[in-house]
């Protein structure tokens, strides 16, 4: 089986699993604050990146801690994951959110 065929099979499996849980997954996409949506929009599903906490806080006229709470809420919901500590902390979307986005676009 070629790499393309394997990827096509994996996409099919991912789609079927996502469709089986469509109602639950739609809740993951729809129930976020404006700050959380901005955080999610800035993250890739595959690559680790930092979240510009100060910039988001300034833009929404909230404290840095308020933005960090929204990040923790997203991690508690297992929608994003973290690696590193302090200034080297990076985040990315999890498979749950990618599946939810897949269902919401079909």
PDB file of N, CA and C in Angstrom:
ATOM      1  N   UNK A   1       0.860  -1.182   0.000  1.00  0.00           N
ATOM      2  CA  UNK A   1       0.000   0.000   0.000  1.00  0.00           C
ATOM      3  C   UNK A   1       0.898   1.235   0.000  1.00  0.00           C
ATOM      4  N   UNK A   2       0.606   2.178  -0.876  1.00  0.00           N
ATOM      5  CA  UNK A   2       1.417   3.393  -0.974  1.00  0.00           C
ATOM      6  C   UNK A   2       1.103   4.357   0.175  1.00  0.00           C
ATOM      7  N   UNK A   3       1.975   5.331   0.358  1.00  0.00           N
ATOM      8  CA  UNK A   3       1.759   6.341   1.397  1.00  0.00           C
ATOM      9  C   UNK A   3       0.459   7.103   1.166  1.00  0.00           C
ATOM     10  N   UNK A   4       0.159   7.420  -0.085  1.00  0.00           N
ATOM     11  CA  UNK A   4      -1.075   8.133  -0.407  1.00  0.00           C
ATOM     12  C   UNK A   4      -2.301   7.309  -0.029  1.00  0.00           C
ATOM     13  N   UNK A   5      -2.237   6.005  -0.291  1.00  0.00           N
ATOM     14  CA  UNK A   5      -3.357   5.125   0.046  1.00  0.00           C
ATOM     15  C   UNK A   5      -3.534   5.005   1.556  1.00  0.00           C
ATOM     16  N   UNK A   6      -2.444   4.935   2.266  1.00  0.00           N
ATOM     17  CA  UNK A   6      -2.498   4.871   3.724  1.00  0.00           C
ATOM     18  C   UNK A   6      -3.108   6.152   4.284  1.00  0.00           C
ATOM     19  N   UNK A   7      -2.660   7.297   3.770  1.00  0.00           N
ATOM     20  CA  UNK A   7      -3.216   8.574   4.227  1.00  0.00           C
ATOM     21  C   UNK A   7      -4.703   8.681   3.909  1.00  0.00           C
ATOM     22  N   UNK A   8      -5.111   8.213   2.756  1.00  0.00           N
ATOM     23  CA  UNK A   8      -6.527   8.243   2.391  1.00  0.00           C
ATOM     24  C   UNK A   8      -7.342   7.371   3.344  1.00  0.00           C
ATOM     25  N   UNK A   9      -6.819   6.200   3.696  1.00  0.00           N
ATOM     26  CA  UNK A   9      -7.504   5.322   4.643  1.00  0.00           C
ATOM     27  C   UNK A   9      -7.602   5.976   6.020  1.00  0.00           C
ATOM     28  N   UNK A  10      -6.535   6.596   6.464  1.00  0.00           N
ATOM     29  CA  UNK A  10      -6.549   7.266   7.767  1.00  0.00           C
ATOM     30  C   UNK A  10      -7.539   8.417   7.785  1.00  0.00           C
ATOM     31  N   UNK A  11      -7.610   9.182   6.703  1.00  0.00           N
ATOM     32  CA  UNK A  11      -8.593  10.268   6.618  1.00  0.00           C
ATOM     33  C   UNK A  11     -10.020   9.723   6.677  1.00  0.00           C
ATOM     34  N   UNK A  12     -10.245   8.596   6.022  1.00  0.00           N
ATOM     35  CA  UNK A  12     -11.572   7.972   6.054  1.00  0.00           C
ATOM     36  C   UNK A  12     -11.930   7.524   7.464  1.00  0.00           C
ATOM     37  N   UNK A  13     -11.002   6.888   8.137  1.00  0.00           N
ATOM     38  CA  UNK A  13     -11.237   6.444   9.515  1.00  0.00           C
ATOM     39  C   UNK A  13     -11.498   7.636  10.417  1.00  0.00           C
ATOM     40  N   UNK A  14     -10.687   8.675  10.279  1.00  0.00           N
ATOM     41  CA  UNK A  14     -10.863   9.891  11.092  1.00  0.00           C
ATOM     42  C   UNK A  14     -12.240  10.494  10.862  1.00  0.00           C
ATOM     43  N   UNK A  15     -12.668  10.547   9.620  1.00  0.00           N
ATOM     44  CA  UNK A  15     -13.974  11.122   9.302  1.00  0.00           C
ATOM     45  C   UNK A  15     -15.097  10.293   9.904  1.00  0.00           C
ATOM     46  N   UNK A  16     -15.010   8.979   9.787  1.00  0.00           N
ATOM     47  CA  UNK A  16     -16.048   8.112  10.352  1.00  0.00           C
ATOM     48  C   UNK A  16     -16.134   8.244  11.865  1.00  0.00           C
ATOM     49  N   UNK A  17     -14.997   8.290  12.526  1.00  0.00           N
ATOM     50  CA  UNK A  17     -14.997   8.457  13.985  1.00  0.00           C
ATOM     51  C   UNK A  17     -15.582   9.800  14.379  1.00  0.00           C
ATOM     52  N   UNK A  18     -15.232  10.834  13.638  1.00  0.00           N
ATOM     53  CA  UNK A  18     -15.746  12.171  13.937  1.00  0.00           C
ATOM     54  C   UNK A  18     -17.248  12.230  13.720  1.00  0.00           C
ATOM     55  N   UNK A  19     -17.732  11.648  12.645  1.00  0.00           N
ATOM     56  CA  UNK A  19     -19.166  11.686  12.359  1.00  0.00           C
ATOM     57  C   UNK A  19     -19.970  10.920  13.404  1.00  0.00           C
ATOM     58  N   UNK A  20     -19.391   9.867  13.956  1.00  0.00           N
ATOM     59  CA  UNK A  20     -20.066   9.088  14.987  1.00  0.00           C
ATOM     60  C   UNK A  20     -20.308   9.923  16.240  1.00  0.00           C
ATOM     61  N   UNK A  21     -19.478  10.899  16.491  1.00  0.00           N
ATOM     62  CA  UNK A  21     -19.582  11.751  17.677  1.00  0.00           C
ATOM     63  C   UNK A  21     -19.932  13.190  17.310  1.00  0.00           C
ATOM     64  N   UNK A  22     -20.609  13.380  16.204  1.00  0.00           N
ATOM     65  CA  UNK A  22     -20.857  14.720  15.663  1.00  0.00           C
ATOM     66  C   UNK A  22     -21.480  15.675  16.678  1.00  0.00           C
ATOM     67  N   UNK A  23     -22.507  15.233  17.389  1.00  0.00           N
ATOM     68  CA  UNK A  23     -23.190  16.136  18.324  1.00  0.00           C
ATOM     69  C   UNK A  23     -22.245  16.608  19.427  1.00  0.00           C
ATOM     70  N   UNK A  24     -21.492  15.685  20.001  1.00  0.00           N
ATOM     71  CA  UNK A  24     -20.533  16.063  21.045  1.00  0.00           C
ATOM     72  C   UNK A  24     -19.457  16.988  20.494  1.00  0.00           C
ATOM     73  N   UNK A  25     -18.970  16.684  19.320  1.00  0.00           N
ATOM     74  CA  UNK A  25     -17.893  17.470  18.738  1.00  0.00           C
ATOM     75  C   UNK A  25     -18.340  18.882  18.382  1.00  0.00           C
ATOM     76  N   UNK A  26     -19.580  19.040  17.935  1.00  0.00           N
ATOM     77  CA  UNK A  26     -20.073  20.377  17.624  1.00  0.00           C
ATOM     78  C   UNK A  26     -20.052  21.266  18.853  1.00  0.00           C
ATOM     79  N   UNK A  27     -20.294  20.702  20.026  1.00  0.00           N
ATOM     80  CA  UNK A  27     -20.227  21.468  21.266  1.00  0.00           C
ATOM     81  C   UNK A  27     -18.834  22.005  21.535  1.00  0.00           C
ATOM     82  N   UNK A  28     -17.812  21.280  21.110  1.00  0.00           N
ATOM     83  CA  UNK A  28     -16.440  21.741  21.302  1.00  0.00           C
ATOM     84  C   UNK A  28     -16.133  22.977  20.463  1.00  0.00           C
ATOM     85  N   UNK A  29     -16.730  23.069  19.296  1.00  0.00           N
ATOM     86  CA  UNK A  29     -16.441  24.167  18.387  1.00  0.00           C
ATOM     87  C   UNK A  29     -17.206  25.432  18.764  1.00  0.00           C
ATOM     88  N   UNK A  30     -18.414  25.281  19.252  1.00  0.00           N
ATOM     89  CA  UNK A  30     -19.313  26.409  19.410  1.00  0.00           C
ATOM     90  C   UNK A  30     -19.243  27.157  20.738  1.00  0.00           C
ATOM     91  N   UNK A  31     -18.691  26.584  21.764  1.00  0.00           N
ATOM     92  CA  UNK A  31     -18.827  27.137  23.111  1.00  0.00           C
ATOM     93  C   UNK A  31     -17.552  27.776  23.659  1.00  0.00           C
ATOM     94  N   UNK A  32     -17.007  28.738  22.945  1.00  0.00           N
ATOM     95  CA  UNK A  32     -15.789  29.385  23.404  1.00  0.00           C
ATOM     96  C   UNK A  32     -15.962  30.898  23.471  1.00  0.00           C
ATOM     97  N   UNK A  33     -15.183  31.486  24.365  1.00  0.00           N
ATOM     98  CA  UNK A  33     -15.184  32.943  24.464  1.00  0.00           C
ATOM     99  C   UNK A  33     -14.426  33.527  23.275  1.00  0.00           C
ATOM    100  N   UNK A  34     -14.546  34.822  23.109  1.00  0.00           N
ATOM    101  CA  UNK A  34     -13.830  35.513  22.034  1.00  0.00           C
ATOM    102  C   UNK A  34     -12.315  35.323  22.194  1.00  0.00           C
ATOM    103  N   UNK A  35     -11.855  35.377  23.431  1.00  0.00           N
ATOM    104  CA  UNK A  35     -10.422  35.192  23.696  1.00  0.00           C
ATOM    105  C   UNK A  35     -10.001  33.768  23.335  1.00  0.00           C
ATOM    106  N   UNK A  36     -10.795  32.782  23.735  1.00  0.00           N
ATOM    107  CA  UNK A  36     -10.458  31.404  23.409  1.00  0.00           C
ATOM    108  C   UNK A  36     -10.462  31.166  21.901  1.00  0.00           C
ATOM    109  N   UNK A  37     -11.409  31.760  21.209  1.00  0.00           N
ATOM    110  CA  UNK A  37     -11.427  31.622  19.750  1.00  0.00           C
ATOM    111  C   UNK A  37     -10.171  32.212  19.122  1.00  0.00           C
ATOM    112  N   UNK A  38      -9.716  33.349  19.634  1.00  0.00           N
ATOM    113  CA  UNK A  38      -8.495  33.947  19.109  1.00  0.00           C
ATOM    114  C   UNK A  38      -7.296  33.046  19.377  1.00  0.00           C
ATOM    115  N   UNK A  39      -7.243  32.462  20.565  1.00  0.00           N
ATOM    116  CA  UNK A  39      -6.153  31.541  20.898  1.00  0.00           C
ATOM    117  C   UNK A  39      -6.173  30.359  19.941  1.00  0.00           C
ATOM    118  N   UNK A  40      -7.339  29.758  19.763  1.00  0.00           N
ATOM    119  CA  UNK A  40      -7.454  28.591  18.883  1.00  0.00           C
ATOM    120  C   UNK A  40      -7.130  28.932  17.434  1.00  0.00           C
ATOM    121  N   UNK A  41      -7.572  30.096  16.978  1.00  0.00           N
ATOM    122  CA  UNK A  41      -7.284  30.506  15.598  1.00  0.00           C
ATOM    123  C   UNK A  41      -5.786  30.674  15.359  1.00  0.00           C
ATOM    124  N   UNK A  42      -5.050  31.036  16.403  1.00  0.00           N
ATOM    125  CA  UNK A  42      -3.618  31.260  16.256  1.00  0.00           C
ATOM    126  C   UNK A  42      -2.774  30.004  16.344  1.00  0.00           C
ATOM    127  N   UNK A  43      -3.393  28.881  16.682  1.00  0.00           N
ATOM    128  CA  UNK A  43      -2.635  27.637  16.847  1.00  0.00           C
ATOM    129  C   UNK A  43      -2.822  26.708  15.665  1.00  0.00           C
ATOM    130  N   UNK A  44      -1.765  25.984  15.379  1.00  0.00           N
ATOM    131  CA  UNK A  44      -1.810  24.947  14.357  1.00  0.00           C
ATOM    132  C   UNK A  44      -2.148  23.629  15.047  1.00  0.00           C
ATOM    133  N   UNK A  45      -2.694  22.714  14.302  1.00  0.00           N
ATOM    134  CA  UNK A  45      -2.954  21.401  14.859  1.00  0.00           C
ATOM    135  C   UNK A  45      -1.725  20.528  14.903  1.00  0.00           C
ATOM    136  N   UNK A  46      -0.732  20.835  14.101  1.00  0.00           N
ATOM    137  CA  UNK A  46       0.418  19.951  13.984  1.00  0.00           C
ATOM    138  C   UNK A  46       1.711  20.543  14.537  1.00  0.00           C
ATOM    139  N   UNK A  47       1.834  21.838  14.542  1.00  0.00           N
ATOM    140  CA  UNK A  47       3.080  22.460  14.956  1.00  0.00           C
ATOM    141  C   UNK A  47       2.920  23.179  16.289  1.00  0.00           C
ATOM    142  N   UNK A  48       3.950  23.113  17.100  1.00  0.00           N
ATOM    143  CA  UNK A  48       3.960  23.794  18.391  1.00  0.00           C
ATOM    144  C   UNK A  48       4.233  25.274  18.169  1.00  0.00           C
ATOM    145  N   UNK A  49       3.515  26.134  18.889  1.00  0.00           N
ATOM    146  CA  UNK A  49       3.758  27.573  18.793  1.00  0.00           C
ATOM    147  C   UNK A  49       3.414  28.247  20.113  1.00  0.00           C
ATOM    148  N   UNK A  50       3.940  29.439  20.292  1.00  0.00           N
ATOM    149  CA  UNK A  50       3.652  30.191  21.516  1.00  0.00           C
ATOM    150  C   UNK A  50       2.335  30.951  21.344  1.00  0.00           C
ATOM    151  N   UNK A  51       1.766  31.332  22.475  1.00  0.00           N
ATOM    152  CA  UNK A  51       0.546  32.140  22.472  1.00  0.00           C
ATOM    153  C   UNK A  51       0.926  33.526  22.976  1.00  0.00           C
ATOM    154  N   UNK A  52       0.677  34.568  22.188  1.00  0.00           N
ATOM    155  CA  UNK A  52       1.060  35.930  22.597  1.00  0.00           C
ATOM    156  C   UNK A  52       0.108  36.473  23.670  1.00  0.00           C
ATOM    157  N   UNK A  53       0.281  35.996  24.886  1.00  0.00           N
ATOM    158  CA  UNK A  53      -0.615  36.320  25.998  1.00  0.00           C
ATOM    159  C   UNK A  53      -0.789  37.821  26.181  1.00  0.00           C
ATOM    160  N   UNK A  54       0.303  38.563  26.207  1.00  0.00           N
ATOM    161  CA  UNK A  54       0.233  40.013  26.432  1.00  0.00           C
ATOM    162  C   UNK A  54      -0.525  40.717  25.322  1.00  0.00           C
ATOM    163  N   UNK A  55      -0.277  40.320  24.088  1.00  0.00           N
ATOM    164  CA  UNK A  55      -0.969  40.942  22.958  1.00  0.00           C
ATOM    165  C   UNK A  55      -2.471  40.683  23.021  1.00  0.00           C
ATOM    166  N   UNK A  56      -2.839  39.459  23.340  1.00  0.00           N
ATOM    167  CA  UNK A  56      -4.262  39.116  23.438  1.00  0.00           C
ATOM    168  C   UNK A  56      -4.897  39.887  24.592  1.00  0.00           C
ATOM    169  N   UNK A  57      -4.199  39.967  25.718  1.00  0.00           N
ATOM    170  CA  UNK A  57      -4.714  40.700  26.880  1.00  0.00           C
ATOM    171  C   UNK A  57      -4.935  42.169  26.531  1.00  0.00           C
ATOM    172  N   UNK A  58      -3.973  42.794  25.876  1.00  0.00           N
ATOM    173  CA  UNK A  58      -4.107  44.206  25.484  1.00  0.00           C
ATOM    174  C   UNK A  58      -5.274  44.400  24.520  1.00  0.00           C
ATOM    175  N   UNK A  59      -5.387  43.511  23.564  1.00  0.00           N
ATOM    176  CA  UNK A  59      -6.437  43.626  22.554  1.00  0.00           C
ATOM    177  C   UNK A  59      -7.838  43.533  23.159  1.00  0.00           C
ATOM    178  N   UNK A  60      -7.983  42.722  24.204  1.00  0.00           N
ATOM    179  CA  UNK A  60      -9.297  42.516  24.825  1.00  0.00           C
ATOM    180  C   UNK A  60      -9.464  43.284  26.128  1.00  0.00           C
ATOM    181  N   UNK A  61      -8.447  44.076  26.468  1.00  0.00           N
ATOM    182  CA  UNK A  61      -8.477  44.893  27.681  1.00  0.00           C
ATOM    183  C   UNK A  61      -8.741  44.048  28.931  1.00  0.00           C
ATOM    184  N   UNK A  62      -7.986  42.945  29.042  1.00  0.00           N
ATOM    185  CA  UNK A  62      -8.040  42.069  30.205  1.00  0.00           C
ATOM    186  C   UNK A  62      -6.617  41.838  30.697  1.00  0.00           C
ATOM    187  N   UNK A  63      -6.480  41.227  31.848  1.00  0.00           N
ATOM    188  CA  UNK A  63      -5.154  40.946  32.400  1.00  0.00           C
ATOM    189  C   UNK A  63      -4.525  39.733  31.709  1.00  0.00           C
ATOM    190  N   UNK A  64      -3.211  39.624  31.821  1.00  0.00           N
ATOM    191  CA  UNK A  64      -2.516  38.447  31.301  1.00  0.00           C
ATOM    192  C   UNK A  64      -3.037  37.185  31.985  1.00  0.00           C
ATOM    193  N   UNK A  65      -3.339  37.315  33.277  1.00  0.00           N
ATOM    194  CA  UNK A  65      -3.857  36.161  34.020  1.00  0.00           C
ATOM    195  C   UNK A  65      -5.203  35.705  33.460  1.00  0.00           C
ATOM    196  N   UNK A  66      -6.042  36.629  33.023  1.00  0.00           N
ATOM    197  CA  UNK A  66      -7.332  36.255  32.426  1.00  0.00           C
ATOM    198  C   UNK A  66      -7.108  35.427  31.157  1.00  0.00           C
ATOM    199  N   UNK A  67      -6.121  35.812  30.364  1.00  0.00           N
ATOM    200  CA  UNK A  67      -5.807  35.050  29.146  1.00  0.00           C
ATOM    201  C   UNK A  67      -5.256  33.679  29.537  1.00  0.00           C
ATOM    202  N   UNK A  68      -4.379  33.629  30.535  1.00  0.00           N
ATOM    203  CA  UNK A  68      -3.829  32.345  30.985  1.00  0.00           C
ATOM    204  C   UNK A  68      -4.933  31.424  31.511  1.00  0.00           C
ATOM    205  N   UNK A  69      -5.954  31.996  32.161  1.00  0.00           N
ATOM    206  CA  UNK A  69      -7.096  31.178  32.615  1.00  0.00           C
ATOM    207  C   UNK A  69      -7.827  30.566  31.423  1.00  0.00           C
ATOM    208  N   UNK A  70      -8.007  31.347  30.367  1.00  0.00           N
ATOM    209  CA  UNK A  70      -8.675  30.822  29.162  1.00  0.00           C
ATOM    210  C   UNK A  70      -7.845  29.699  28.533  1.00  0.00           C
ATOM    211  N   UNK A  71      -6.523  29.861  28.567  1.00  0.00           N
ATOM    212  CA  UNK A  71      -5.634  28.804  28.062  1.00  0.00           C
ATOM    213  C   UNK A  71      -5.790  27.548  28.915  1.00  0.00           C
ATOM    214  N   UNK A  72      -5.801  27.703  30.233  1.00  0.00           N
ATOM    215  CA  UNK A  72      -5.981  26.545  31.127  1.00  0.00           C
ATOM    216  C   UNK A  72      -7.334  25.875  30.886  1.00  0.00           C
ATOM    217  N   UNK A  73      -8.376  26.666  30.661  1.00  0.00           N
ATOM    218  CA  UNK A  73      -9.692  26.094  30.372  1.00  0.00           C
ATOM    219  C   UNK A  73      -9.643  25.241  29.102  1.00  0.00           C
ATOM    220  N   UNK A  74      -8.963  25.735  28.081  1.00  0.00           N
ATOM    221  CA  UNK A  74      -8.831  24.966  26.837  1.00  0.00           C
ATOM    222  C   UNK A  74      -8.036  23.683  27.064  1.00  0.00           C
ATOM    223  N   UNK A  75      -7.011  23.746  27.923  1.00  0.00           N
ATOM    224  CA  UNK A  75      -6.237  22.539  28.242  1.00  0.00           C
ATOM    225  C   UNK A  75      -7.083  21.569  29.073  1.00  0.00           C
ATOM    226  N   UNK A  76      -7.864  22.091  30.026  1.00  0.00           N
ATOM    227  CA  UNK A  76      -8.742  21.237  30.837  1.00  0.00           C
ATOM    228  C   UNK A  76      -9.759  20.507  29.974  1.00  0.00           C
ATOM    229  N   UNK A  77     -10.218  21.173  28.921  1.00  0.00           N
ATOM    230  CA  UNK A  77     -11.166  20.566  27.986  1.00  0.00           C
ATOM    231  C   UNK A  77     -10.463  19.672  26.963  1.00  0.00           C
ATOM    232  N   UNK A  78      -9.139  19.591  27.066  1.00  0.00           N
ATOM    233  CA  UNK A  78      -8.286  18.789  26.174  1.00  0.00           C
ATOM    234  C   UNK A  78      -8.392  19.219  24.710  1.00  0.00           C
ATOM    235  N   UNK A  79      -8.566  20.531  24.512  1.00  0.00           N
ATOM    236  CA  UNK A  79      -8.623  21.063  23.157  1.00  0.00           C
ATOM    237  C   UNK A  79      -7.262  21.537  22.678  1.00  0.00           C
ATOM    238  N   UNK A  80      -6.395  21.887  23.629  1.00  0.00           N
ATOM    239  CA  UNK A  80      -5.006  22.227  23.297  1.00  0.00           C
ATOM    240  C   UNK A  80      -4.105  21.484  24.258  1.00  0.00           C
ATOM    241  N   UNK A  81      -2.855  21.306  23.833  1.00  0.00           N
ATOM    242  CA  UNK A  81      -1.863  20.673  24.699  1.00  0.00           C
ATOM    243  C   UNK A  81      -0.630  21.558  24.773  1.00  0.00           C
ATOM    244  N   UNK A  82       0.155  21.348  25.833  1.00  0.00           N
ATOM    245  CA  UNK A  82       1.295  22.224  26.116  1.00  0.00           C
ATOM    246  C   UNK A  82       2.569  21.402  26.218  1.00  0.00           C
ATOM    247  N   UNK A  83       3.667  22.030  25.815  1.00  0.00           N
ATOM    248  CA  UNK A  83       4.988  21.464  26.069  1.00  0.00           C
ATOM    249  C   UNK A  83       5.891  22.595  26.521  1.00  0.00           C
ATOM    250  N   UNK A  84       6.843  22.288  27.374  1.00  0.00           N
ATOM    251  CA  UNK A  84       7.780  23.283  27.867  1.00  0.00           C
ATOM    252  C   UNK A  84       7.253  24.033  29.070  1.00  0.00           C
ATOM    253  N   UNK A  85       8.090  24.939  29.574  1.00  0.00           N
ATOM    254  CA  UNK A  85       7.734  25.748  30.738  1.00  0.00           C
ATOM    255  C   UNK A  85       8.245  27.166  30.554  1.00  0.00           C
ATOM    256  N   UNK A  86       7.620  28.085  31.277  1.00  0.00           N
ATOM    257  CA  UNK A  86       8.047  29.475  31.253  1.00  0.00           C
ATOM    258  C   UNK A  86       8.002  30.070  29.857  1.00  0.00           C
ATOM    259  N   UNK A  87       9.037  30.820  29.527  1.00  0.00           N
ATOM    260  CA  UNK A  87       9.083  31.497  28.228  1.00  0.00           C
ATOM    261  C   UNK A  87       9.159  30.506  27.060  1.00  0.00           C
ATOM    262  N   UNK A  88       9.556  29.263  27.330  1.00  0.00           N
ATOM    263  CA  UNK A  88       9.676  28.256  26.270  1.00  0.00           C
ATOM    264  C   UNK A  88       8.395  27.442  26.085  1.00  0.00           C
ATOM    265  N   UNK A  89       7.305  27.827  26.739  1.00  0.00           N
ATOM    266  CA  UNK A  89       6.056  27.088  26.630  1.00  0.00           C
ATOM    267  C   UNK A  89       5.457  27.247  25.237  1.00  0.00           C
ATOM    268  N   UNK A  90       5.033  26.120  24.675  1.00  0.00           N
ATOM    269  CA  UNK A  90       4.388  26.125  23.366  1.00  0.00           C
ATOM    270  C   UNK A  90       3.121  25.276  23.436  1.00  0.00           C
ATOM    271  N   UNK A  91       2.208  25.551  22.515  1.00  0.00           N
ATOM    272  CA  UNK A  91       0.911  24.880  22.494  1.00  0.00           C
ATOM    273  C   UNK A  91       0.580  24.432  21.084  1.00  0.00           C
ATOM    274  N   UNK A  92      -0.358  23.488  20.987  1.00  0.00           N
ATOM    275  CA  UNK A  92      -0.938  23.109  19.700  1.00  0.00           C
ATOM    276  C   UNK A  92      -2.325  22.523  19.958  1.00  0.00           C
ATOM    277  N   UNK A  93      -3.145  22.520  18.924  1.00  0.00           N
ATOM    278  CA  UNK A  93      -4.472  21.932  19.010  1.00  0.00           C
ATOM    279  C   UNK A  93      -4.340  20.422  19.134  1.00  0.00           C
ATOM    280  N   UNK A  94      -5.314  19.823  19.787  1.00  0.00           N
ATOM    281  CA  UNK A  94      -5.326  18.369  19.910  1.00  0.00           C
ATOM    282  C   UNK A  94      -6.182  17.753  18.810  1.00  0.00           C
ATOM    283  N   UNK A  95      -6.187  16.451  18.754  1.00  0.00           N
ATOM    284  CA  UNK A  95      -6.999  15.734  17.780  1.00  0.00           C
ATOM    285  C   UNK A  95      -8.485  15.948  17.986  1.00  0.00           C
ATOM    286  N   UNK A  96      -8.910  16.205  19.232  1.00  0.00           N
ATOM    287  CA  UNK A  96     -10.333  16.430  19.503  1.00  0.00           C
ATOM    288  C   UNK A  96     -10.822  17.641  18.716  1.00  0.00           C
ATOM    289  N   UNK A  97     -10.074  18.712  18.775  1.00  0.00           N
ATOM    290  CA  UNK A  97     -10.499  19.929  18.087  1.00  0.00           C
ATOM    291  C   UNK A  97     -10.413  19.757  16.577  1.00  0.00           C
ATOM    292  N   UNK A  98      -9.410  19.069  16.095  1.00  0.00           N
ATOM    293  CA  UNK A  98      -9.320  18.824  14.648  1.00  0.00           C
ATOM    294  C   UNK A  98     -10.521  18.001  14.176  1.00  0.00           C
ATOM    295  N   UNK A  99     -10.927  17.015  14.974  1.00  0.00           N
ATOM    296  CA  UNK A  99     -12.101  16.218  14.609  1.00  0.00           C
ATOM    297  C   UNK A  99     -13.364  17.083  14.626  1.00  0.00           C
ATOM    298  N   UNK A 100     -13.469  17.943  15.618  1.00  0.00           N
ATOM    299  CA  UNK A 100     -14.635  18.827  15.699  1.00  0.00           C
ATOM    300  C   UNK A 100     -14.690  19.768  14.504  1.00  0.00           C
ATOM    301  N   UNK A 101     -13.534  20.289  14.105  1.00  0.00           N
ATOM    302  CA  UNK A 101     -13.492  21.178  12.940  1.00  0.00           C
ATOM    303  C   UNK A 101     -13.842  20.421  11.675  1.00  0.00           C
ATOM    304  N   UNK A 102     -13.430  19.179  11.586  1.00  0.00           N
ATOM    305  CA  UNK A 102     -13.739  18.338  10.427  1.00  0.00           C
ATOM    306  C   UNK A 102     -15.249  18.154  10.301  1.00  0.00           C
ATOM    307  N   UNK A 103     -15.899  17.833  11.406  1.00  0.00           N
ATOM    308  CA  UNK A 103     -17.348  17.605  11.396  1.00  0.00           C
ATOM    309  C   UNK A 103     -18.093  18.893  11.065  1.00  0.00           C
ATOM    310  N   UNK A 104     -17.629  20.014  11.621  1.00  0.00           N
ATOM    311  CA  UNK A 104     -18.362  21.267  11.417  1.00  0.00           C
ATOM    312  C   UNK A 104     -18.234  21.812   9.998  1.00  0.00           C
ATOM    313  N   UNK A 105     -17.255  21.346   9.238  1.00  0.00           N
ATOM    314  CA  UNK A 105     -17.085  21.831   7.877  1.00  0.00           C
ATOM    315  C   UNK A 105     -17.747  20.926   6.844  1.00  0.00           C
ATOM    316  N   UNK A 106     -18.238  19.775   7.263  1.00  0.00           N
ATOM    317  CA  UNK A 106     -18.847  18.847   6.290  1.00  0.00           C
ATOM    318  C   UNK A 106     -20.325  19.069   6.187  1.00  0.00           C
TER     319      UNK A 106
END
